[in-house]
Amino acid sequence: MNIIAWILLGLIAGAIARMILPGKQGGGWIGALLTGLIGALLGGWIASLMGLSANEGFFDLTTWIFAILGGVIVGFVWQAITRSRSKA
């Protein structure tokens, strides 16, 4: 996939991951893009550890599932970090 496809995948996967996660998330669409891009990288890494290939193409279901899963993980960690900062 080229860089435009990765950015588009990251934006959409990040938006879906933010819809799945409960609670308030800041950052707007840039935050969703970063969540999705980092989540896609994390999801691809998790898939490779499992022996799966999550980089088959833009329309491959495995790519989307692992990108969204990674986005949810990244979003959850980000909420945990920002929640602990706001309480301090």
N, C-alpha and C. Protein backbone atom coordinates (compact mmCIF):
# COMPACT_ATOMS: atom_id res chain seq x y z
N MET A 1 0.85 -1.18 0.00
CA MET A 1 0.00 0.00 0.00
C MET A 1 0.89 1.24 0.00
N ASN A 2 0.41 2.28 -0.65
CA ASN A 2 1.18 3.51 -0.65
C ASN A 2 0.82 4.36 0.58
N ILE A 3 1.51 5.47 0.74
CA ILE A 3 1.36 6.29 1.95
C ILE A 3 -0.04 6.88 2.08
N ILE A 4 -0.67 7.25 0.95
CA ILE A 4 -2.02 7.80 1.00
C ILE A 4 -3.00 6.74 1.51
N ALA A 5 -2.83 5.51 1.07
CA ALA A 5 -3.70 4.42 1.54
C ALA A 5 -3.51 4.18 3.03
N TRP A 6 -2.26 4.25 3.51
CA TRP A 6 -1.99 4.07 4.94
C TRP A 6 -2.64 5.18 5.76
N ILE A 7 -2.56 6.42 5.28
CA ILE A 7 -3.17 7.54 6.00
C ILE A 7 -4.69 7.38 6.03
N LEU A 8 -5.27 7.02 4.90
CA LEU A 8 -6.72 6.82 4.83
C LEU A 8 -7.16 5.67 5.74
N LEU A 9 -6.43 4.57 5.69
CA LEU A 9 -6.71 3.43 6.57
C LEU A 9 -6.61 3.85 8.03
N GLY A 10 -5.57 4.61 8.36
CA GLY A 10 -5.39 5.07 9.74
C GLY A 10 -6.50 5.97 10.21
N LEU A 11 -6.95 6.87 9.34
CA LEU A 11 -8.02 7.79 9.71
C LEU A 11 -9.34 7.04 9.96
N ILE A 12 -9.66 6.14 9.06
CA ILE A 12 -10.91 5.38 9.20
C ILE A 12 -10.84 4.41 10.38
N ALA A 13 -9.73 3.68 10.49
CA ALA A 13 -9.59 2.72 11.60
C ALA A 13 -9.56 3.45 12.94
N GLY A 14 -8.91 4.61 13.00
CA GLY A 14 -8.88 5.39 14.23
C GLY A 14 -10.26 5.90 14.61
N ALA A 15 -11.04 6.34 13.63
CA ALA A 15 -12.40 6.80 13.90
C ALA A 15 -13.27 5.65 14.41
N ILE A 16 -13.14 4.48 13.80
CA ILE A 16 -13.91 3.31 14.25
C ILE A 16 -13.48 2.89 15.65
N ALA A 17 -12.17 2.91 15.90
CA ALA A 17 -11.67 2.54 17.23
C ALA A 17 -12.19 3.51 18.29
N ARG A 18 -12.27 4.80 17.96
CA ARG A 18 -12.79 5.78 18.92
C ARG A 18 -14.28 5.59 19.16
N MET A 19 -15.01 5.12 18.16
CA MET A 19 -16.44 4.84 18.36
C MET A 19 -16.63 3.62 19.25
N ILE A 20 -15.72 2.67 19.18
CA ILE A 20 -15.82 1.45 19.99
C ILE A 20 -15.50 1.76 21.45
N LEU A 21 -14.51 2.60 21.68
CA LEU A 21 -14.09 2.92 23.04
C LEU A 21 -15.09 3.86 23.72
N PRO A 22 -15.52 3.54 24.92
CA PRO A 22 -16.40 4.46 25.63
C PRO A 22 -15.60 5.61 26.23
N GLY A 23 -16.28 6.68 26.54
CA GLY A 23 -15.63 7.81 27.20
C GLY A 23 -15.25 8.91 26.24
N LYS A 24 -14.73 9.98 26.82
CA LYS A 24 -14.37 11.17 26.05
C LYS A 24 -12.93 11.04 25.55
N GLN A 25 -12.76 11.26 24.25
CA GLN A 25 -11.43 11.29 23.67
C GLN A 25 -11.22 12.65 23.02
N GLY A 26 -10.12 13.25 23.33
CA GLY A 26 -9.80 14.54 22.73
C GLY A 26 -8.96 14.37 21.48
N GLY A 27 -8.67 15.46 20.84
CA GLY A 27 -7.76 15.43 19.70
C GLY A 27 -8.42 15.60 18.35
N GLY A 28 -9.73 15.43 18.26
CA GLY A 28 -10.41 15.61 16.98
C GLY A 28 -9.95 14.60 15.93
N TRP A 29 -10.01 15.02 14.68
CA TRP A 29 -9.67 14.10 13.59
C TRP A 29 -8.18 13.83 13.53
N ILE A 30 -7.36 14.76 14.00
CA ILE A 30 -5.91 14.51 14.04
C ILE A 30 -5.61 13.42 15.07
N GLY A 31 -6.29 13.48 16.20
CA GLY A 31 -6.13 12.43 17.21
C GLY A 31 -6.59 11.08 16.70
N ALA A 32 -7.70 11.07 15.94
CA ALA A 32 -8.19 9.82 15.36
C ALA A 32 -7.19 9.28 14.34
N LEU A 33 -6.60 10.18 13.54
CA LEU A 33 -5.60 9.76 12.55
C LEU A 33 -4.39 9.16 13.23
N LEU A 34 -3.88 9.83 14.25
CA LEU A 34 -2.71 9.30 14.96
C LEU A 34 -3.03 7.99 15.67
N THR A 35 -4.21 7.93 16.29
CA THR A 35 -4.63 6.68 16.93
C THR A 35 -4.68 5.55 15.92
N GLY A 36 -5.25 5.83 14.76
CA GLY A 36 -5.37 4.80 13.72
C GLY A 36 -4.04 4.39 13.14
N LEU A 37 -3.15 5.37 12.87
CA LEU A 37 -1.85 5.04 12.30
C LEU A 37 -1.00 4.22 13.27
N ILE A 38 -0.94 4.67 14.51
CA ILE A 38 -0.18 3.92 15.52
C ILE A 38 -0.84 2.57 15.77
N GLY A 39 -2.17 2.57 15.80
CA GLY A 39 -2.90 1.32 15.99
C GLY A 39 -2.70 0.34 14.85
N ALA A 40 -2.63 0.86 13.61
CA ALA A 40 -2.39 -0.02 12.46
C ALA A 40 -1.01 -0.64 12.55
N LEU A 41 -0.03 0.15 12.97
CA LEU A 41 1.32 -0.41 13.15
C LEU A 41 1.33 -1.46 14.24
N LEU A 42 0.68 -1.16 15.37
CA LEU A 42 0.60 -2.11 16.47
C LEU A 42 -0.15 -3.37 16.05
N GLY A 43 -1.28 -3.18 15.36
CA GLY A 43 -2.05 -4.33 14.89
C GLY A 43 -1.29 -5.19 13.92
N GLY A 44 -0.53 -4.57 13.01
CA GLY A 44 0.30 -5.33 12.09
C GLY A 44 1.38 -6.11 12.80
N TRP A 45 1.94 -5.50 13.84
CA TRP A 45 2.97 -6.19 14.63
C TRP A 45 2.37 -7.37 15.37
N ILE A 46 1.19 -7.18 15.96
CA ILE A 46 0.51 -8.29 16.67
C ILE A 46 0.18 -9.41 15.69
N ALA A 47 -0.30 -9.05 14.50
CA ALA A 47 -0.63 -10.07 13.50
C ALA A 47 0.61 -10.85 13.08
N SER A 48 1.74 -10.15 12.94
CA SER A 48 2.96 -10.86 12.54
C SER A 48 3.44 -11.79 13.65
N LEU A 49 3.24 -11.40 14.91
CA LEU A 49 3.60 -12.28 16.02
C LEU A 49 2.73 -13.54 16.04
N MET A 50 1.50 -13.39 15.57
CA MET A 50 0.58 -14.53 15.52
C MET A 50 0.78 -15.37 14.26
N GLY A 51 1.66 -14.94 13.39
CA GLY A 51 1.91 -15.68 12.16
C GLY A 51 0.94 -15.34 11.05
N LEU A 52 0.19 -14.27 11.20
CA LEU A 52 -0.76 -13.83 10.18
C LEU A 52 -0.17 -12.65 9.42
N SER A 53 -0.67 -12.41 8.26
CA SER A 53 -0.24 -11.26 7.48
C SER A 53 -1.37 -10.24 7.44
N ALA A 54 -1.16 -9.09 8.07
CA ALA A 54 -2.18 -8.05 8.10
C ALA A 54 -1.84 -6.94 7.11
N ASN A 55 -1.03 -7.24 6.12
CA ASN A 55 -0.63 -6.23 5.15
C ASN A 55 -0.86 -6.74 3.73
N GLU A 56 -1.98 -7.39 3.53
CA GLU A 56 -2.29 -7.95 2.21
C GLU A 56 -2.78 -6.90 1.23
N GLY A 57 -3.45 -5.89 1.71
CA GLY A 57 -3.98 -4.85 0.84
C GLY A 57 -5.00 -4.01 1.56
N PHE A 58 -5.40 -2.93 0.92
CA PHE A 58 -6.31 -1.97 1.53
C PHE A 58 -7.67 -2.59 1.83
N PHE A 59 -8.17 -3.43 0.96
CA PHE A 59 -9.51 -3.99 1.13
C PHE A 59 -9.51 -5.36 1.79
N ASP A 60 -8.39 -5.78 2.33
CA ASP A 60 -8.31 -7.06 3.02
C ASP A 60 -8.90 -6.93 4.42
N LEU A 61 -9.81 -7.83 4.77
CA LEU A 61 -10.50 -7.77 6.06
C LEU A 61 -9.53 -7.92 7.23
N THR A 62 -8.51 -8.75 7.10
CA THR A 62 -7.54 -8.94 8.17
C THR A 62 -6.81 -7.64 8.48
N THR A 63 -6.47 -6.88 7.45
CA THR A 63 -5.80 -5.60 7.63
C THR A 63 -6.67 -4.67 8.47
N TRP A 64 -7.94 -4.59 8.14
CA TRP A 64 -8.85 -3.70 8.86
C TRP A 64 -9.08 -4.15 10.30
N ILE A 65 -9.25 -5.44 10.49
CA ILE A 65 -9.51 -5.95 11.85
C ILE A 65 -8.33 -5.65 12.76
N PHE A 66 -7.12 -5.92 12.31
CA PHE A 66 -5.96 -5.68 13.15
C PHE A 66 -5.66 -4.19 13.31
N ALA A 67 -5.95 -3.37 12.31
CA ALA A 67 -5.77 -1.93 12.44
C ALA A 67 -6.74 -1.36 13.47
N ILE A 68 -7.98 -1.80 13.44
CA ILE A 68 -8.98 -1.33 14.41
C ILE A 68 -8.65 -1.85 15.80
N LEU A 69 -8.26 -3.12 15.91
CA LEU A 69 -7.87 -3.70 17.20
C LEU A 69 -6.68 -2.92 17.79
N GLY A 70 -5.71 -2.64 16.97
CA GLY A 70 -4.56 -1.84 17.43
C GLY A 70 -4.99 -0.44 17.84
N GLY A 71 -5.92 0.17 17.09
CA GLY A 71 -6.43 1.49 17.45
C GLY A 71 -7.15 1.50 18.77
N VAL A 72 -7.91 0.46 19.04
CA VAL A 72 -8.60 0.35 20.33
C VAL A 72 -7.58 0.23 21.46
N ILE A 73 -6.55 -0.55 21.26
CA ILE A 73 -5.51 -0.70 22.29
C ILE A 73 -4.81 0.63 22.53
N VAL A 74 -4.43 1.31 21.46
CA VAL A 74 -3.75 2.61 21.59
C VAL A 74 -4.67 3.62 22.27
N GLY A 75 -5.93 3.65 21.88
CA GLY A 75 -6.89 4.57 22.50
C GLY A 75 -7.08 4.29 23.98
N PHE A 76 -7.15 3.02 24.34
CA PHE A 76 -7.30 2.64 25.74
C PHE A 76 -6.09 3.08 26.56
N VAL A 77 -4.90 2.86 26.03
CA VAL A 77 -3.68 3.28 26.74
C VAL A 77 -3.64 4.80 26.85
N TRP A 78 -4.02 5.51 25.78
CA TRP A 78 -4.01 6.97 25.81
C TRP A 78 -5.00 7.50 26.85
N GLN A 79 -6.19 6.89 26.93
CA GLN A 79 -7.16 7.31 27.94
C GLN A 79 -6.63 7.06 29.34
N ALA A 80 -5.96 5.95 29.56
CA ALA A 80 -5.41 5.64 30.87
C ALA A 80 -4.33 6.65 31.26
N ILE A 81 -3.51 7.06 30.31
CA ILE A 81 -2.44 8.04 30.58
C ILE A 81 -3.06 9.40 30.88
N THR A 82 -3.98 9.86 30.05
CA THR A 82 -4.55 11.19 30.24
C THR A 82 -5.46 11.25 31.46
N ARG A 83 -6.11 10.15 31.78
CA ARG A 83 -6.97 10.11 32.97
C ARG A 83 -6.13 10.24 34.24
N SER A 84 -4.97 9.60 34.27
CA SER A 84 -4.12 9.67 35.46
C SER A 84 -3.49 11.05 35.60
N ARG A 85 -3.25 11.73 34.48
CA ARG A 85 -2.71 13.10 34.54
C ARG A 85 -3.75 14.08 35.07
N SER A 86 -4.99 13.92 34.66
CA SER A 86 -6.03 14.87 35.07
C SER A 86 -6.38 14.74 36.55
N LYS A 87 -6.16 13.57 37.13
CA LYS A 87 -6.46 13.36 38.54
C LYS A 87 -5.35 13.89 39.44
N ALA A 88 -4.15 14.01 38.91
CA ALA A 88 -3.00 14.45 39.71
C ALA A 88 -3.01 15.93 39.97
